[in-house]
Amino acid sequence: MLEGKNLKKQYHGREILKGIDISVEAGKIVSLIGPSGSGKTTLLRVLSMLDPANSGAVIFEGQEYKFPMREENIIPPWPRISVVFQQLFLWPHLTLKENILLPLGGVQESKQMEELIDLFQMRGFIERYPNQASLGQKQRVALVRALVLNPEYLLLDEITSALDIEQVGIILNYLQGLKNKGVGILLVTHLLNFAKRASDQIVFLDEGQILERGDANILKNPDHPRIKKFISLIESAS
């Protein structure tokens, strides 16, 4: 299990996370929804320990990492936890395929990687450079780069935001397959139908606080008025 306990995070004196408790079980998908600026990406950064919290703890498979950290020799749980951020972080001087291979330390193409390239329909552009690819193409590359590391927990930040309906369906099916293999997944999404179909649990975050959590029914009959307003605005804009 991957857990966050009472996580607090500040940037420049502004409190971004205000005591977050969250957990992702192996073989489960948790969707994190909420308005822009609510702290969703920050929470992913903290849970993956790429950006330490100011206080609280991350617990990964029984190992507790307390913040603020005072031990210098802590081994972070990468790539057992892998993250794909909205910014994608692709190296511009490498081809898209080379970007996928880079975290593997020079390992040549694997059968798994080739299968993912075909599954996500990337064969026609995989030898291009990032500036020659669309945002949706680069999103698929960043996702595959994380998947070839075979993580136990996968944290995804809006990885379907620039994809068409077909690609969203392919990714949904693949994530459900990973779930069935025991991978724990935490995904940030603004696509409520995607969250509804994918998730074992949906968590609503606003202004650094979790206001409600539950199964897909919270999207139909939310208790908190802030979630009702959020859903209503999304539905009226779609």
Protein backbone atom coordinates (compact mmCIF):
# COMPACT_ATOMS: atom_id res chain seq x y z
CA MET A 1 0.00 0.00 0.00
CA LEU A 2 1.02 3.61 -0.63
CA GLU A 3 -0.25 6.01 2.03
CA GLY A 4 -0.02 9.67 2.88
CA LYS A 5 -0.61 10.65 6.51
CA ASN A 6 -1.39 14.24 7.50
CA LEU A 7 0.64 15.60 4.59
CA LYS A 8 1.24 19.34 4.64
CA LYS A 9 3.07 21.33 2.00
CA GLN A 10 3.83 25.02 1.66
CA TYR A 11 5.27 27.06 -1.19
CA HIS A 12 6.43 30.61 -0.49
CA GLY A 13 4.36 30.75 2.67
CA ARG A 14 1.18 29.50 0.97
CA GLU A 15 -0.29 26.26 2.29
CA ILE A 16 -0.95 23.96 -0.67
CA LEU A 17 -1.73 20.71 1.19
CA LYS A 18 -3.51 21.02 4.52
CA GLY A 19 -3.16 17.68 6.28
CA ILE A 20 -3.98 15.15 3.59
CA ASP A 21 -4.72 11.50 4.41
CA ILE A 22 -4.88 9.27 1.34
CA SER A 23 -4.14 5.66 0.48
CA VAL A 24 -3.75 3.62 -2.70
CA GLU A 25 -3.96 -0.14 -2.39
CA ALA A 26 -2.25 -2.63 -4.66
CA GLY A 27 -4.64 -3.63 -7.42
CA LYS A 28 -6.86 -0.56 -6.98
CA ILE A 29 -7.40 2.63 -8.98
CA VAL A 30 -7.99 5.92 -7.16
CA SER A 31 -9.01 9.00 -9.14
CA LEU A 32 -8.18 12.44 -7.79
CA ILE A 33 -10.50 15.18 -9.04
CA GLY A 34 -10.93 18.85 -8.24
CA PRO A 35 -10.50 22.35 -9.63
CA SER A 36 -7.24 23.74 -10.96
CA GLY A 37 -4.92 24.88 -8.20
CA SER A 38 -6.43 22.57 -5.60
CA GLY A 39 -3.12 20.77 -4.91
CA LYS A 40 -3.55 17.60 -7.00
CA THR A 41 -0.16 17.72 -8.75
CA THR A 42 1.56 18.73 -5.52
CA LEU A 43 0.06 15.70 -3.80
CA LEU A 44 1.47 13.42 -6.51
CA ARG A 45 4.89 15.02 -6.12
CA VAL A 46 4.80 14.53 -2.36
CA LEU A 47 3.53 10.94 -2.47
CA SER A 48 6.24 10.01 -4.97
CA MET A 49 8.80 11.77 -2.74
CA LEU A 50 10.04 13.91 -5.59
CA ASP A 51 9.15 16.93 -3.45
CA PRO A 52 9.22 16.38 0.31
CA ALA A 53 6.30 17.49 2.43
CA ASN A 54 6.84 20.00 5.22
CA SER A 55 5.26 17.58 7.67
CA GLY A 56 3.41 14.27 7.77
CA ALA A 57 4.52 10.91 6.43
CA VAL A 58 4.51 8.72 3.36
CA ILE A 59 4.23 5.00 4.03
CA PHE A 60 5.18 2.65 1.23
CA GLU A 61 4.79 -1.10 1.73
CA GLY A 62 5.39 -0.72 5.47
CA GLN A 63 8.37 1.67 5.17
CA GLU A 64 7.60 5.02 6.77
CA TYR A 65 9.17 8.23 5.50
CA LYS A 66 8.59 11.05 7.98
CA PHE A 67 8.79 14.73 7.11
CA PRO A 68 10.76 16.82 7.55
CA MET A 69 13.44 14.27 6.73
CA ARG A 70 16.64 14.34 8.71
CA GLU A 71 18.28 11.18 7.40
CA GLU A 72 20.63 11.72 4.46
CA ASN A 73 20.85 8.12 3.29
CA ILE A 74 17.17 7.43 2.66
CA ILE A 75 16.63 5.41 -0.49
CA PRO A 76 13.53 6.71 -2.31
CA PRO A 77 11.14 4.07 -3.68
CA TRP A 78 11.81 4.68 -7.38
CA PRO A 79 11.01 3.13 -9.84
CA ARG A 80 8.69 0.98 -7.73
CA ILE A 81 6.68 4.20 -7.66
CA SER A 82 6.67 5.92 -11.05
CA VAL A 83 5.01 9.19 -12.03
CA VAL A 84 3.86 10.82 -15.26
CA PHE A 85 3.34 14.56 -14.90
CA GLN A 86 1.45 16.96 -17.15
CA GLN A 87 4.73 18.63 -18.07
CA LEU A 88 5.94 15.23 -19.44
CA PHE A 89 9.66 16.15 -19.07
CA LEU A 90 10.89 14.76 -22.39
CA TRP A 91 14.49 15.47 -23.40
CA PRO A 92 14.33 17.62 -26.56
CA HIS A 93 17.63 16.32 -28.02
CA LEU A 94 16.49 12.67 -27.89
CA THR A 95 13.99 10.95 -30.13
CA LEU A 96 10.75 9.81 -28.56
CA LYS A 97 12.00 6.22 -28.53
CA GLU A 98 15.28 7.30 -26.93
CA ASN A 99 13.29 9.13 -24.25
CA ILE A 100 11.54 5.85 -23.43
CA LEU A 101 14.81 3.95 -23.30
CA LEU A 102 16.70 6.50 -21.19
CA PRO A 103 15.47 5.37 -17.73
CA LEU A 104 16.35 1.79 -18.64
CA GLY A 105 20.04 2.65 -18.59
CA GLY A 106 20.90 1.89 -22.18
CA VAL A 107 18.88 -1.32 -22.44
CA GLN A 108 17.81 -1.96 -26.00
CA GLU A 109 14.23 -2.24 -27.13
CA SER A 110 12.25 -4.88 -25.27
CA LYS A 111 9.28 -6.93 -26.38
CA GLN A 112 7.17 -5.11 -23.79
CA MET A 113 8.16 -1.70 -25.17
CA GLU A 114 7.43 -2.73 -28.75
CA GLU A 115 4.04 -4.08 -27.71
CA LEU A 116 3.19 -0.79 -25.97
CA ILE A 117 4.29 1.22 -29.01
CA ASP A 118 1.89 -0.80 -31.12
CA LEU A 119 -0.92 -0.79 -28.55
CA PHE A 120 -0.86 3.00 -28.21
CA GLN A 121 -0.51 3.44 -31.98
CA MET A 122 2.89 5.15 -31.78
CA ARG A 123 4.75 3.39 -34.58
CA GLY A 124 4.26 6.25 -37.04
CA PHE A 125 5.98 8.90 -34.90
CA ILE A 126 8.22 7.10 -32.40
CA GLU A 127 11.45 8.10 -34.21
CA ARG A 128 10.57 11.82 -34.15
CA TYR A 129 11.90 14.37 -31.70
CA PRO A 130 9.56 15.95 -29.12
CA ASN A 131 9.26 19.22 -31.04
CA GLN A 132 8.00 17.22 -34.02
CA ALA A 133 5.21 15.53 -32.05
CA SER A 134 1.79 16.63 -30.86
CA LEU A 135 0.95 16.92 -27.17
CA GLY A 136 -1.15 13.76 -27.34
CA GLN A 137 1.74 11.85 -28.92
CA LYS A 138 4.13 13.07 -26.24
CA GLN A 139 1.65 12.06 -23.52
CA ARG A 140 1.68 8.49 -24.80
CA VAL A 141 5.49 8.48 -24.88
CA ALA A 142 5.72 9.69 -21.28
CA LEU A 143 3.24 7.02 -20.21
CA VAL A 144 5.14 4.23 -21.96
CA ARG A 145 8.41 5.50 -20.44
CA ALA A 146 6.89 4.93 -17.00
CA LEU A 147 5.26 1.60 -17.89
CA VAL A 148 8.48 -0.05 -19.13
CA LEU A 149 9.88 0.38 -15.60
CA ASN A 150 7.17 -2.04 -14.39
CA PRO A 151 6.21 0.04 -11.34
CA GLU A 152 4.22 -1.35 -8.46
CA TYR A 153 2.44 1.99 -8.07
CA LEU A 154 1.73 4.39 -10.90
CA LEU A 155 0.85 8.05 -10.37
CA LEU A 156 -0.64 9.79 -13.41
CA ASP A 157 -1.31 13.50 -13.85
CA GLU A 158 -3.87 14.22 -16.60
CA ILE A 159 -2.32 11.73 -19.02
CA THR A 160 -5.44 11.71 -21.23
CA SER A 161 -5.98 15.48 -21.49
CA ALA A 162 -4.85 15.73 -25.14
CA LEU A 163 -6.04 12.34 -26.39
CA ASP A 164 -8.99 11.45 -28.57
CA ILE A 165 -11.78 9.16 -27.41
CA GLU A 166 -10.21 6.06 -28.96
CA GLN A 167 -6.89 6.62 -27.20
CA VAL A 168 -8.62 7.33 -23.89
CA GLY A 169 -10.43 4.00 -24.22
CA ILE A 170 -7.19 2.15 -24.99
CA ILE A 171 -5.49 3.64 -21.94
CA LEU A 172 -8.48 2.91 -19.72
CA ASN A 173 -8.43 -0.74 -20.76
CA TYR A 174 -4.67 -0.96 -20.21
CA LEU A 175 -4.88 0.60 -16.74
CA GLN A 176 -7.61 -1.84 -15.79
CA GLY A 177 -5.32 -4.64 -16.93
CA LEU A 178 -2.52 -3.28 -14.73
CA LYS A 179 -4.95 -3.11 -11.82
CA ASN A 180 -5.81 -6.77 -12.33
CA LYS A 181 -2.09 -7.56 -12.15
CA GLY A 182 -1.85 -5.88 -8.74
CA VAL A 183 -0.55 -2.44 -9.70
CA GLY A 184 -1.88 0.42 -7.56
CA ILE A 185 -2.81 3.52 -9.57
CA LEU A 186 -3.52 7.09 -8.51
CA LEU A 187 -4.64 9.29 -11.38
CA VAL A 188 -5.53 12.94 -11.64
CA THR A 189 -8.20 13.55 -14.25
CA HIS A 190 -10.77 16.14 -15.27
CA LEU A 191 -12.70 13.53 -17.27
CA LEU A 192 -15.50 12.53 -14.91
CA ASN A 193 -16.71 9.62 -17.07
CA PHE A 194 -13.14 8.28 -17.19
CA ALA A 195 -12.92 8.53 -13.40
CA LYS A 196 -16.32 6.88 -13.03
CA ARG A 197 -15.38 3.93 -15.25
CA ALA A 198 -11.82 3.47 -14.00
CA SER A 199 -11.98 4.00 -10.28
CA ASP A 200 -12.42 1.94 -7.17
CA GLN A 201 -12.37 5.21 -5.24
CA ILE A 202 -12.80 8.86 -6.20
CA VAL A 203 -11.28 11.60 -4.06
CA PHE A 204 -12.31 15.25 -4.37
CA LEU A 205 -9.61 17.77 -3.46
CA ASP A 206 -10.20 21.51 -3.13
CA GLU A 207 -7.90 24.18 -1.71
CA GLY A 208 -5.56 21.56 -0.30
CA GLN A 209 -8.22 19.57 1.54
CA ILE A 210 -10.10 16.37 0.78
CA LEU A 211 -13.79 17.26 0.94
CA GLU A 212 -15.28 13.90 -0.02
CA ARG A 213 -14.25 10.42 -1.07
CA GLY A 214 -16.11 7.32 -2.11
CA ASP A 215 -17.05 5.15 -5.06
CA ALA A 216 -18.42 6.40 -8.39
CA ASN A 217 -21.73 7.29 -6.73
CA ILE A 218 -20.23 10.51 -5.34
CA LEU A 219 -20.28 11.82 -8.91
CA LYS A 220 -24.01 11.17 -9.11
CA ASN A 221 -25.05 12.10 -5.58
CA PRO A 222 -22.29 14.09 -3.86
CA ASP A 223 -22.84 15.21 -0.30
CA HIS A 224 -20.61 18.29 -0.25
CA PRO A 225 -22.02 21.41 -1.93
CA ARG A 226 -18.60 22.29 -3.39
CA ILE A 227 -18.51 19.00 -5.32
CA LYS A 228 -22.07 19.55 -6.54
CA LYS A 229 -21.03 22.94 -7.93
CA PHE A 230 -17.86 21.49 -9.49
CA ILE A 231 -19.74 18.68 -11.25
CA SER A 232 -22.46 21.03 -12.40
CA LEU A 233 -19.95 23.42 -13.98
CA ILE A 234 -18.13 20.60 -15.77
CA GLU A 235 -21.36 19.12 -17.10
CA SER A 236 -22.61 22.49 -18.34
CA ALA A 237 -19.33 23.07 -20.17
CA SER A 238 -19.28 19.65 -21.87
